[in-house]
Structures are given as structure tokens and as C-alpha cells.
Amino acid sequence: MSAAPAAPQPASADPGSAALDADGRLDLLLTPPRPRTGWRLLPARVAALCAVELQKLRHDRAELYTRAVQPALWLLIFGETFTRIKAIPTEGIPYIDYLAPGIIAQSAMFIAIFYGIMIIWERDSGILTKLLVTPTPRSALITGKAFAAGVKALIQAVVVIVIAALLGVALTWNPLRLLGVAVAVILGSAFFSCLSMTIAGIVLTRDRLMGIGQAITMPLFFGSSALYPVSIMPGWLQAVSRANPLSYQVDALRGLLLGTHAHLALDYGVLAVAAALGILAASSLLGRLAR
């Protein structure tokens, strides 16, 4: 009795995946797709990690509302008072108008500068260790967190712009200029969040990071052009202001929102280089943080 014929192998749904076996016959078994590698992997991982960070806002939206209190007080009290006394030269515009871009930059920096606390918490809870054993490059992990901080700061900037508009600040509503504002806020926040994560990689504890963060935020703020023009500062403070990335962020925001003279090419160049260096520094210290 003859043996039953062998059942034919199912044809592959993808003809391009078939290959020749040792006898020259077609091997119709499906081959697994090749994983993305190299430069194609990095944007996808950055976007995924950024989305994960932003999902946290769905569970704690109160943070956005509470953080809006401080910039509102700056504009209502400091801005209105100094507008009346006219003590600071502001190139012929009301002081509250001059102050509004600086408060946008300040509120964005305050969100980003304590971002390292979150990565220390992830280290303590074991999340960071699990992320580091995946194929995700460390630079992608840091970049995702940095741009998530930028998007959070952008939401805060929208809140401050709305408050400023309600107070009568003459801001532009040109879509291209507002897009430029968004880019400046994200780049500046990316740098300050990477600065925070770099400090976290050095000090390793939340208490030390909180102390250092509180020690550097106000010098960064008062050592910039957020509150007053660089021209009225003493010489040593002018040198500090020119080395402070916050000054370039404020200059870009003020030029875009108010139409004042600004060095936009220089401002964006400094912010982009600062963000890139911040990502590089934080990525190099990420392994030390996870030990």
C-alpha cells in the first residue's frame, strides 16, 4: 500500500520572503522581519519614551494648575508695580509686556530644572534598570525625557500667554512666530532638564539634587535678561548673562512675541548646541546613576 502523499506546505503571504534551500527548492516558510537598527531606531524610541512621559500628565493634571500660580503672581504684582513706577528702561514698551516673555522662560525652566528628581525616583523603583537592559540607546532615553520636559513646559507657556493676554499684554498671534516660540521653549527646557539629569548622575540622591536645583534656579533667572536689559547690568553680571542659555531663550521669545530687536539665529544656535551638549552629558552619566 503506497504511503499517503505529504500535505503541501502553505504558500507564504510574502513572496519576497521565500528562499532557496540546499537542494535548490523554494523554502516557503515565513521569515521574521528584520528589526530596525541604527538611525531608524532612534526617532521611534525617542517618540515612544516621550509619549510615556507625557502619559503621566493624565494622572496628575493638578501640577499644571499649581505651577501657573507663580507666573501669574509675577505678572500681576511685579509686572503691574514696575509698569507704574517706570524704573527700568524697556525700549519704550510697558514693563509688563517686557516682563511676560521672561516669565514664560522662567516657568519653563522651573519645570525642567527639577526633572532629575523623576529619574532618581525611577532608579529607586527599578524602572531605570529595566529601561537600560533594553536595546534602547541611552541617548534616546535622555532625549525622550528631555523633549517630554519641553512639551510640559510648552503647556505651561500657553497658560502664561493666556494670563498675559488677559492682563492686556500686546502679544503677537502670528502662527509662524508662535511656532518659533514653541521651538525656543522646547529647546531651552530640553537643556535645563538635561542639566538636572546630569546633576542627578553626579549627586545620586533626591535631597542633594533638590538643594542644588534651588541654589541655581534663582541665579540663572536673575543672571539673565528676563527682568531687565543686559545693558543696565554691571560688567560681571553681563558676562554671566552672555553665558546663560536662559538669556538667549528670553531674547528669542521677546523678539517673537513683542517684535523687539532680537538675534534669532544666534539664539536658536546657542539653544540647540546647549541642548545637544546637555543630552551628551546626561547620557554619559546615566550608567553611573543606575549602579
C-alpha atoms as a PDB file:
ATOM      1  CA  MET A   1       0.000   0.000   0.000  1.00  0.00           C
ATOM      2  CA  SER A   2       1.506   3.300  -1.030  1.00  0.00           C
ATOM      3  CA  ALA A   3       2.174   5.983   1.558  1.00  0.00           C
ATOM      4  CA  ALA A   4      -0.154   8.936   1.733  1.00  0.00           C
ATOM      5  CA  PRO A   5       1.166  11.960  -0.105  1.00  0.00           C
ATOM      6  CA  ALA A   6       2.659  14.668   2.074  1.00  0.00           C
ATOM      7  CA  ALA A   7       0.478  17.686   2.611  1.00  0.00           C
ATOM      8  CA  PRO A   8       1.652  20.676   0.588  1.00  0.00           C
ATOM      9  CA  GLN A   9       3.287  23.450   2.534  1.00  0.00           C
ATOM     10  CA  PRO A  10       1.229  26.642   2.724  1.00  0.00           C
ATOM     11  CA  ALA A  11       2.368  29.364   0.425  1.00  0.00           C
ATOM     12  CA  SER A  12       3.975  32.358   2.038  1.00  0.00           C
ATOM     13  CA  ALA A  13       1.949  35.511   2.170  1.00  0.00           C
ATOM     14  CA  ASP A  14       5.072  37.404   1.253  1.00  0.00           C
ATOM     15  CA  PRO A  15       6.737  36.044  -1.891  1.00  0.00           C
ATOM     16  CA  GLY A  16       9.783  38.131  -1.249  1.00  0.00           C
ATOM     17  CA  SER A  17      10.428  36.210   1.990  1.00  0.00           C
ATOM     18  CA  ALA A  18      10.903  32.811   0.213  1.00  0.00           C
ATOM     19  CA  ALA A  19      14.454  31.482  -0.143  1.00  0.00           C
ATOM     20  CA  LEU A  20      16.191  28.535  -1.818  1.00  0.00           C
ATOM     21  CA  ASP A  21      17.164  25.567   0.364  1.00  0.00           C
ATOM     22  CA  ALA A  22      20.237  23.295  -0.086  1.00  0.00           C
ATOM     23  CA  ASP A  23      18.564  21.290  -2.909  1.00  0.00           C
ATOM     24  CA  GLY A  24      17.619  24.367  -4.879  1.00  0.00           C
ATOM     25  CA  ARG A  25      13.937  24.176  -3.900  1.00  0.00           C
ATOM     26  CA  LEU A  26      11.939  27.101  -2.581  1.00  0.00           C
ATOM     27  CA  ASP A  27      11.673  27.291   1.188  1.00  0.00           C
ATOM     28  CA  LEU A  28       8.229  28.810   1.607  1.00  0.00           C
ATOM     29  CA  LEU A  29       8.346  29.197   5.379  1.00  0.00           C
ATOM     30  CA  LEU A  30       7.817  32.747   6.529  1.00  0.00           C
ATOM     31  CA  THR A  31      10.950  34.514   7.695  1.00  0.00           C
ATOM     32  CA  PRO A  32      10.676  37.010  10.573  1.00  0.00           C
ATOM     33  CA  PRO A  33      11.057  40.679   9.641  1.00  0.00           C
ATOM     34  CA  ARG A  34      14.365  42.260  10.315  1.00  0.00           C
ATOM     35  CA  PRO A  35      14.313  44.654  13.288  1.00  0.00           C
ATOM     36  CA  ARG A  36      15.031  48.304  12.671  1.00  0.00           C
ATOM     37  CA  THR A  37      18.554  49.278  13.583  1.00  0.00           C
ATOM     38  CA  GLY A  38      20.806  52.297  13.503  1.00  0.00           C
ATOM     39  CA  TRP A  39      19.423  55.718  12.783  1.00  0.00           C
ATOM     40  CA  ARG A  40      15.949  54.330  12.001  1.00  0.00           C
ATOM     41  CA  LEU A  41      15.603  53.070  15.580  1.00  0.00           C
ATOM     42  CA  LEU A  42      16.462  56.288  17.401  1.00  0.00           C
ATOM     43  CA  PRO A  43      13.491  58.525  16.381  1.00  0.00           C
ATOM     44  CA  ALA A  44      10.967  55.770  17.138  1.00  0.00           C
ATOM     45  CA  ARG A  45      12.429  55.136  20.596  1.00  0.00           C
ATOM     46  CA  VAL A  46      12.607  58.860  21.384  1.00  0.00           C
ATOM     47  CA  ALA A  47       8.973  59.348  20.371  1.00  0.00           C
ATOM     48  CA  ALA A  48       7.851  56.327  22.394  1.00  0.00           C
ATOM     49  CA  LEU A  49       9.688  57.435  25.541  1.00  0.00           C
ATOM     50  CA  CYS A  50       8.416  60.984  25.141  1.00  0.00           C
ATOM     51  CA  ALA A  51       4.838  59.660  24.878  1.00  0.00           C
ATOM     52  CA  VAL A  52       5.306  57.565  28.028  1.00  0.00           C
ATOM     53  CA  GLU A  53       6.479  60.617  29.949  1.00  0.00           C
ATOM     54  CA  LEU A  54       3.525  62.695  28.772  1.00  0.00           C
ATOM     55  CA  GLN A  55       1.061  59.985  29.796  1.00  0.00           C
ATOM     56  CA  LYS A  56       1.872  60.902  33.396  1.00  0.00           C
ATOM     57  CA  LEU A  57       0.050  64.215  32.900  1.00  0.00           C
ATOM     58  CA  ARG A  58      -3.227  62.328  32.578  1.00  0.00           C
ATOM     59  CA  HIS A  59      -2.844  61.134  36.170  1.00  0.00           C
ATOM     60  CA  ASP A  60      -1.634  64.418  37.705  1.00  0.00           C
ATOM     61  CA  ARG A  61      -3.088  67.420  35.894  1.00  0.00           C
ATOM     62  CA  ALA A  62      -3.122  69.448  39.122  1.00  0.00           C
ATOM     63  CA  GLU A  63       0.611  70.066  38.608  1.00  0.00           C
ATOM     64  CA  LEU A  64      -0.125  72.294  35.615  1.00  0.00           C
ATOM     65  CA  TYR A  65      -2.626  74.393  37.561  1.00  0.00           C
ATOM     66  CA  THR A  66      -0.468  74.844  40.646  1.00  0.00           C
ATOM     67  CA  ARG A  67       2.554  75.821  38.565  1.00  0.00           C
ATOM     68  CA  ALA A  68       0.501  78.596  36.944  1.00  0.00           C
ATOM     69  CA  VAL A  69       0.180  80.430  40.265  1.00  0.00           C
ATOM     70  CA  GLN A  70       3.756  81.709  40.454  1.00  0.00           C
ATOM     71  CA  PRO A  71       3.959  83.239  36.937  1.00  0.00           C
ATOM     72  CA  ALA A  72       0.534  84.826  37.474  1.00  0.00           C
ATOM     73  CA  LEU A  73       1.825  86.480  40.660  1.00  0.00           C
ATOM     74  CA  TRP A  74       4.957  87.711  38.864  1.00  0.00           C
ATOM     75  CA  LEU A  75       2.863  89.360  36.172  1.00  0.00           C
ATOM     76  CA  LEU A  76       0.159  90.698  38.491  1.00  0.00           C
ATOM     77  CA  ILE A  77       2.373  92.069  41.267  1.00  0.00           C
ATOM     78  CA  PHE A  78       5.872  92.600  39.919  1.00  0.00           C
ATOM     79  CA  GLY A  79       4.803  93.500  36.390  1.00  0.00           C
ATOM     80  CA  GLU A  80       1.998  95.887  37.313  1.00  0.00           C
ATOM     81  CA  THR A  81       4.070  97.620  40.027  1.00  0.00           C
ATOM     82  CA  PHE A  82       7.156  98.254  37.907  1.00  0.00           C
ATOM     83  CA  THR A  83       4.984  99.363  34.983  1.00  0.00           C
ATOM     84  CA  ARG A  84       3.656 102.175  37.177  1.00  0.00           C
ATOM     85  CA  ILE A  85       6.967 103.373  38.600  1.00  0.00           C
ATOM     86  CA  LYS A  86       8.828 103.140  35.258  1.00  0.00           C
ATOM     87  CA  ALA A  87      12.133 102.395  36.971  1.00  0.00           C
ATOM     88  CA  ILE A  88      13.559 100.041  34.324  1.00  0.00           C
ATOM     89  CA  PRO A  89      14.253 101.119  30.720  1.00  0.00           C
ATOM     90  CA  THR A  90      12.314  98.780  28.423  1.00  0.00           C
ATOM     91  CA  GLU A  91      12.815 100.215  24.933  1.00  0.00           C
ATOM     92  CA  GLY A  92       9.569 102.180  25.023  1.00  0.00           C
ATOM     93  CA  ILE A  93       7.191  99.305  25.762  1.00  0.00           C
ATOM     94  CA  PRO A  94       5.244  98.784  29.027  1.00  0.00           C
ATOM     95  CA  TYR A  95       7.236  96.842  31.578  1.00  0.00           C
ATOM     96  CA  ILE A  96       4.590  94.133  31.945  1.00  0.00           C
ATOM     97  CA  ASP A  97       4.890  93.495  28.194  1.00  0.00           C
ATOM     98  CA  TYR A  98       8.684  93.363  28.547  1.00  0.00           C
ATOM     99  CA  LEU A  99       8.386  91.001  31.513  1.00  0.00           C
ATOM    100  CA  ALA A 100       5.937  88.472  30.013  1.00  0.00           C
ATOM    101  CA  PRO A 101       8.462  86.597  27.766  1.00  0.00           C
ATOM    102  CA  GLY A 102      10.892  86.406  30.683  1.00  0.00           C
ATOM    103  CA  ILE A 103       8.205  84.844  32.901  1.00  0.00           C
ATOM    104  CA  ILE A 104       7.419  82.304  30.155  1.00  0.00           C
ATOM    105  CA  ALA A 105      11.089  81.300  30.085  1.00  0.00           C
ATOM    106  CA  GLN A 106      11.254  81.246  33.894  1.00  0.00           C
ATOM    107  CA  SER A 107       8.217  78.988  34.303  1.00  0.00           C
ATOM    108  CA  ALA A 108       9.561  76.615  31.645  1.00  0.00           C
ATOM    109  CA  MET A 109      12.950  76.478  33.375  1.00  0.00           C
ATOM    110  CA  PHE A 110      11.385  75.772  36.773  1.00  0.00           C
ATOM    111  CA  ILE A 111       9.568  72.764  35.320  1.00  0.00           C
ATOM    112  CA  ALA A 112      12.691  71.379  33.646  1.00  0.00           C
ATOM    113  CA  ILE A 113      15.338  72.075  36.285  1.00  0.00           C
ATOM    114  CA  PHE A 114      13.902  69.502  38.719  1.00  0.00           C
ATOM    115  CA  TYR A 115      13.399  66.805  36.095  1.00  0.00           C
ATOM    116  CA  GLY A 116      16.323  64.861  37.502  1.00  0.00           C
ATOM    117  CA  ILE A 117      14.243  64.039  40.595  1.00  0.00           C
ATOM    118  CA  MET A 118      11.997  61.914  38.397  1.00  0.00           C
ATOM    119  CA  ILE A 119      14.880  59.882  37.001  1.00  0.00           C
ATOM    120  CA  ILE A 120      16.216  59.272  40.533  1.00  0.00           C
ATOM    121  CA  TRP A 121      12.748  58.056  41.531  1.00  0.00           C
ATOM    122  CA  GLU A 122      12.783  55.706  38.527  1.00  0.00           C
ATOM    123  CA  ARG A 123      16.189  54.430  39.675  1.00  0.00           C
ATOM    124  CA  ASP A 124      14.895  53.770  43.191  1.00  0.00           C
ATOM    125  CA  SER A 125      11.776  51.968  41.926  1.00  0.00           C
ATOM    126  CA  GLY A 126      13.744  49.770  39.486  1.00  0.00           C
ATOM    127  CA  ILE A 127      12.259  51.267  36.309  1.00  0.00           C
ATOM    128  CA  LEU A 128      15.544  52.758  35.121  1.00  0.00           C
ATOM    129  CA  THR A 129      17.355  49.419  35.368  1.00  0.00           C
ATOM    130  CA  LYS A 130      14.704  47.767  33.209  1.00  0.00           C
ATOM    131  CA  LEU A 131      14.998  50.520  30.611  1.00  0.00           C
ATOM    132  CA  LEU A 132      18.775  50.249  30.461  1.00  0.00           C
ATOM    133  CA  VAL A 133      18.733  46.500  29.683  1.00  0.00           C
ATOM    134  CA  THR A 134      16.579  47.095  26.579  1.00  0.00           C
ATOM    135  CA  PRO A 135      18.220  47.806  23.194  1.00  0.00           C
ATOM    136  CA  THR A 136      17.223  51.465  23.551  1.00  0.00           C
ATOM    137  CA  PRO A 137      20.306  53.712  23.334  1.00  0.00           C
ATOM    138  CA  ARG A 138      20.936  55.822  26.397  1.00  0.00           C
ATOM    139  CA  SER A 139      20.909  58.934  24.261  1.00  0.00           C
ATOM    140  CA  ALA A 140      17.377  58.045  23.108  1.00  0.00           C
ATOM    141  CA  LEU A 141      16.260  57.612  26.706  1.00  0.00           C
ATOM    142  CA  ILE A 142      17.629  61.013  27.713  1.00  0.00           C
ATOM    143  CA  THR A 143      16.354  62.711  24.545  1.00  0.00           C
ATOM    144  CA  GLY A 144      12.854  61.326  25.097  1.00  0.00           C
ATOM    145  CA  LYS A 145      12.774  62.654  28.639  1.00  0.00           C
ATOM    146  CA  ALA A 146      14.251  65.998  27.565  1.00  0.00           C
ATOM    147  CA  PHE A 147      11.640  66.609  24.888  1.00  0.00           C
ATOM    148  CA  ALA A 148       8.861  65.423  27.207  1.00  0.00           C
ATOM    149  CA  ALA A 149      10.025  68.134  29.612  1.00  0.00           C
ATOM    150  CA  GLY A 150       9.908  70.553  26.679  1.00  0.00           C
ATOM    151  CA  VAL A 151       6.306  69.658  25.864  1.00  0.00           C
ATOM    152  CA  LYS A 152       5.313  70.034  29.534  1.00  0.00           C
ATOM    153  CA  ALA A 153       6.986  73.443  29.575  1.00  0.00           C
ATOM    154  CA  LEU A 154       5.177  74.349  26.351  1.00  0.00           C
ATOM    155  CA  ILE A 155       1.826  73.632  28.018  1.00  0.00           C
ATOM    156  CA  GLN A 156       2.906  75.884  30.888  1.00  0.00           C
ATOM    157  CA  ALA A 157       3.933  78.576  28.377  1.00  0.00           C
ATOM    158  CA  VAL A 158       0.450  78.506  26.830  1.00  0.00           C
ATOM    159  CA  VAL A 159      -1.040  79.105  30.285  1.00  0.00           C
ATOM    160  CA  VAL A 160       1.269  82.092  30.880  1.00  0.00           C
ATOM    161  CA  ILE A 161       0.489  83.532  27.432  1.00  0.00           C
ATOM    162  CA  VAL A 162      -3.236  83.332  28.183  1.00  0.00           C
ATOM    163  CA  ILE A 163      -2.736  85.078  31.551  1.00  0.00           C
ATOM    164  CA  ALA A 164      -0.612  87.771  29.891  1.00  0.00           C
ATOM    165  CA  ALA A 165      -3.255  88.314  27.203  1.00  0.00           C
ATOM    166  CA  LEU A 166      -5.939  88.704  29.880  1.00  0.00           C
ATOM    167  CA  LEU A 167      -3.770  91.357  31.547  1.00  0.00           C
ATOM    168  CA  GLY A 168      -3.595  93.308  28.297  1.00  0.00           C
ATOM    169  CA  VAL A 169      -0.074  92.406  27.192  1.00  0.00           C
ATOM    170  CA  ALA A 170       0.315  93.160  23.473  1.00  0.00           C
ATOM    171  CA  LEU A 171       1.494  89.768  22.195  1.00  0.00           C
ATOM    172  CA  THR A 172       1.619  88.620  18.586  1.00  0.00           C
ATOM    173  CA  TRP A 173      -0.735  85.915  17.314  1.00  0.00           C
ATOM    174  CA  ASN A 174       1.166  85.236  14.108  1.00  0.00           C
ATOM    175  CA  PRO A 175       1.191  81.417  13.669  1.00  0.00           C
ATOM    176  CA  LEU A 176       4.781  81.318  12.401  1.00  0.00           C
ATOM    177  CA  ARG A 177       6.008  83.407  15.316  1.00  0.00           C
ATOM    178  CA  LEU A 178       4.099  81.231  17.782  1.00  0.00           C
ATOM    179  CA  LEU A 179       5.721  78.169  16.201  1.00  0.00           C
ATOM    180  CA  GLY A 180       9.091  79.811  16.766  1.00  0.00           C
ATOM    181  CA  VAL A 181       8.090  80.420  20.404  1.00  0.00           C
ATOM    182  CA  ALA A 182       7.281  76.710  20.782  1.00  0.00           C
ATOM    183  CA  VAL A 183      10.683  75.698  19.368  1.00  0.00           C
ATOM    184  CA  ALA A 184      12.526  78.094  21.704  1.00  0.00           C
ATOM    185  CA  VAL A 185      10.610  76.830  24.749  1.00  0.00           C
ATOM    186  CA  ILE A 186      11.239  73.166  23.897  1.00  0.00           C
ATOM    187  CA  LEU A 187      14.966  73.660  23.207  1.00  0.00           C
ATOM    188  CA  GLY A 188      15.511  75.670  26.372  1.00  0.00           C
ATOM    189  CA  SER A 189      13.585  73.194  28.509  1.00  0.00           C
ATOM    190  CA  ALA A 190      15.469  70.286  26.941  1.00  0.00           C
ATOM    191  CA  PHE A 191      18.751  71.865  28.033  1.00  0.00           C
ATOM    192  CA  PHE A 192      17.639  72.575  31.603  1.00  0.00           C
ATOM    193  CA  SER A 193      16.126  69.102  32.037  1.00  0.00           C
ATOM    194  CA  CYS A 194      19.394  67.553  30.809  1.00  0.00           C
ATOM    195  CA  LEU A 195      21.292  69.822  33.213  1.00  0.00           C
ATOM    196  CA  SER A 196      19.101  68.455  36.008  1.00  0.00           C
ATOM    197  CA  MET A 197      19.648  64.846  34.923  1.00  0.00           C
ATOM    198  CA  THR A 198      23.393  65.480  34.677  1.00  0.00           C
ATOM    199  CA  ILE A 199      23.426  66.781  38.247  1.00  0.00           C
ATOM    200  CA  ALA A 200      21.370  63.731  39.261  1.00  0.00           C
ATOM    201  CA  GLY A 201      24.050  61.499  37.768  1.00  0.00           C
ATOM    202  CA  ILE A 202      26.661  63.262  39.915  1.00  0.00           C
ATOM    203  CA  VAL A 203      24.906  63.634  43.291  1.00  0.00           C
ATOM    204  CA  LEU A 204      22.779  60.436  43.021  1.00  0.00           C
ATOM    205  CA  THR A 205      20.201  61.440  45.677  1.00  0.00           C
ATOM    206  CA  ARG A 206      16.998  63.450  45.567  1.00  0.00           C
ATOM    207  CA  ASP A 207      17.833  65.588  48.611  1.00  0.00           C
ATOM    208  CA  ARG A 208      21.128  66.769  47.162  1.00  0.00           C
ATOM    209  CA  LEU A 209      19.519  67.437  43.785  1.00  0.00           C
ATOM    210  CA  MET A 210      16.758  69.494  45.404  1.00  0.00           C
ATOM    211  CA  GLY A 211      19.329  71.582  47.228  1.00  0.00           C
ATOM    212  CA  ILE A 212      21.454  72.211  44.140  1.00  0.00           C
ATOM    213  CA  GLY A 213      18.375  72.876  41.995  1.00  0.00           C
ATOM    214  CA  GLN A 214      17.105  75.500  44.411  1.00  0.00           C
ATOM    215  CA  ALA A 215      20.591  77.021  44.612  1.00  0.00           C
ATOM    216  CA  ILE A 216      20.978  77.527  40.848  1.00  0.00           C
ATOM    217  CA  THR A 217      17.456  78.425  39.666  1.00  0.00           C
ATOM    218  CA  MET A 218      17.335  81.972  41.019  1.00  0.00           C
ATOM    219  CA  PRO A 219      20.918  82.868  39.937  1.00  0.00           C
ATOM    220  CA  LEU A 220      20.069  81.588  36.453  1.00  0.00           C
ATOM    221  CA  PHE A 221      16.881  83.668  36.459  1.00  0.00           C
ATOM    222  CA  PHE A 222      18.336  86.905  37.873  1.00  0.00           C
ATOM    223  CA  GLY A 223      21.502  86.450  35.794  1.00  0.00           C
ATOM    224  CA  SER A 224      19.521  86.595  32.561  1.00  0.00           C
ATOM    225  CA  SER A 225      17.677  89.293  30.639  1.00  0.00           C
ATOM    226  CA  ALA A 226      14.284  88.108  31.903  1.00  0.00           C
ATOM    227  CA  LEU A 227      13.714  91.039  34.284  1.00  0.00           C
ATOM    228  CA  TYR A 228      15.893  93.834  32.908  1.00  0.00           C
ATOM    229  CA  PRO A 229      18.041  94.631  29.858  1.00  0.00           C
ATOM    230  CA  VAL A 230      21.613  93.380  29.777  1.00  0.00           C
ATOM    231  CA  SER A 231      22.831  96.946  29.155  1.00  0.00           C
ATOM    232  CA  ILE A 232      21.973  98.121  32.696  1.00  0.00           C
ATOM    233  CA  MET A 233      23.719  95.192  34.419  1.00  0.00           C
ATOM    234  CA  PRO A 234      27.182  95.570  35.997  1.00  0.00           C
ATOM    235  CA  GLY A 235      30.015  94.271  33.868  1.00  0.00           C
ATOM    236  CA  TRP A 236      30.492  90.961  35.703  1.00  0.00           C
ATOM    237  CA  LEU A 237      26.765  90.201  35.503  1.00  0.00           C
ATOM    238  CA  GLN A 238      26.734  90.977  31.784  1.00  0.00           C
ATOM    239  CA  ALA A 239      29.413  88.300  31.324  1.00  0.00           C
ATOM    240  CA  VAL A 240      27.283  85.833  33.292  1.00  0.00           C
ATOM    241  CA  SER A 241      24.219  86.737  31.238  1.00  0.00           C
ATOM    242  CA  ARG A 242      26.030  86.127  27.945  1.00  0.00           C
ATOM    243  CA  ALA A 243      26.986  82.629  29.130  1.00  0.00           C
ATOM    244  CA  ASN A 244      23.474  81.875  30.379  1.00  0.00           C
ATOM    245  CA  PRO A 245      21.272  79.949  27.885  1.00  0.00           C
ATOM    246  CA  LEU A 246      18.185  81.433  29.549  1.00  0.00           C
ATOM    247  CA  SER A 247      19.174  84.876  28.224  1.00  0.00           C
ATOM    248  CA  TYR A 248      19.122  83.593  24.651  1.00  0.00           C
ATOM    249  CA  GLN A 249      15.764  81.920  25.192  1.00  0.00           C
ATOM    250  CA  VAL A 250      14.318  85.164  26.605  1.00  0.00           C
ATOM    251  CA  ASP A 251      15.766  87.185  23.724  1.00  0.00           C
ATOM    252  CA  ALA A 252      14.131  84.854  21.179  1.00  0.00           C
ATOM    253  CA  LEU A 253      10.766  84.887  22.985  1.00  0.00           C
ATOM    254  CA  ARG A 254      10.785  88.653  23.357  1.00  0.00           C
ATOM    255  CA  GLY A 255      11.626  89.213  19.702  1.00  0.00           C
ATOM    256  CA  LEU A 256       8.958  86.761  18.505  1.00  0.00           C
ATOM    257  CA  LEU A 257       6.141  87.761  20.870  1.00  0.00           C
ATOM    258  CA  LEU A 258       6.725  91.518  21.056  1.00  0.00           C
ATOM    259  CA  GLY A 259       8.531  92.251  17.797  1.00  0.00           C
ATOM    260  CA  THR A 260      11.561  93.803  19.517  1.00  0.00           C
ATOM    261  CA  HIS A 261      15.056  93.542  18.081  1.00  0.00           C
ATOM    262  CA  ALA A 262      16.434  90.031  18.620  1.00  0.00           C
ATOM    263  CA  HIS A 263      19.293  87.860  17.349  1.00  0.00           C
ATOM    264  CA  LEU A 264      17.177  84.849  16.433  1.00  0.00           C
ATOM    265  CA  ALA A 265      19.846  82.930  14.523  1.00  0.00           C
ATOM    266  CA  LEU A 266      22.274  83.255  17.434  1.00  0.00           C
ATOM    267  CA  ASP A 267      19.553  82.489  19.990  1.00  0.00           C
ATOM    268  CA  TYR A 268      18.429  79.280  18.295  1.00  0.00           C
ATOM    269  CA  GLY A 269      22.007  78.228  17.608  1.00  0.00           C
ATOM    270  CA  VAL A 270      23.015  78.594  21.266  1.00  0.00           C
ATOM    271  CA  LEU A 271      19.872  76.774  22.475  1.00  0.00           C
ATOM    272  CA  ALA A 272      20.375  73.887  20.022  1.00  0.00           C
ATOM    273  CA  VAL A 273      24.053  73.449  20.921  1.00  0.00           C
ATOM    274  CA  ALA A 274      23.267  73.670  24.637  1.00  0.00           C
ATOM    275  CA  ALA A 275      20.529  71.024  24.314  1.00  0.00           C
ATOM    276  CA  ALA A 276      22.842  68.702  22.355  1.00  0.00           C
ATOM    277  CA  LEU A 277      25.646  69.072  24.903  1.00  0.00           C
ATOM    278  CA  GLY A 278      23.158  68.515  27.720  1.00  0.00           C
ATOM    279  CA  ILE A 279      21.929  65.266  26.137  1.00  0.00           C
ATOM    280  CA  LEU A 280      25.521  64.092  25.683  1.00  0.00           C
ATOM    281  CA  ALA A 281      26.457  64.864  29.294  1.00  0.00           C
ATOM    282  CA  ALA A 282      23.343  63.299  30.813  1.00  0.00           C
ATOM    283  CA  SER A 283      23.693  60.168  28.636  1.00  0.00           C
ATOM    284  CA  SER A 284      27.289  59.655  29.747  1.00  0.00           C
ATOM    285  CA  LEU A 285      26.273  59.743  33.428  1.00  0.00           C
ATOM    286  CA  LEU A 286      23.142  57.609  33.126  1.00  0.00           C
ATOM    287  CA  GLY A 287      25.014  54.346  33.792  1.00  0.00           C
ATOM    288  CA  ARG A 288      26.527  55.784  36.985  1.00  0.00           C
ATOM    289  CA  LEU A 289      23.071  56.743  38.194  1.00  0.00           C
ATOM    290  CA  ALA A 290      21.763  53.203  37.691  1.00  0.00           C
ATOM    291  CA  ARG A 291      24.532  51.453  39.687  1.00  0.00           C
END
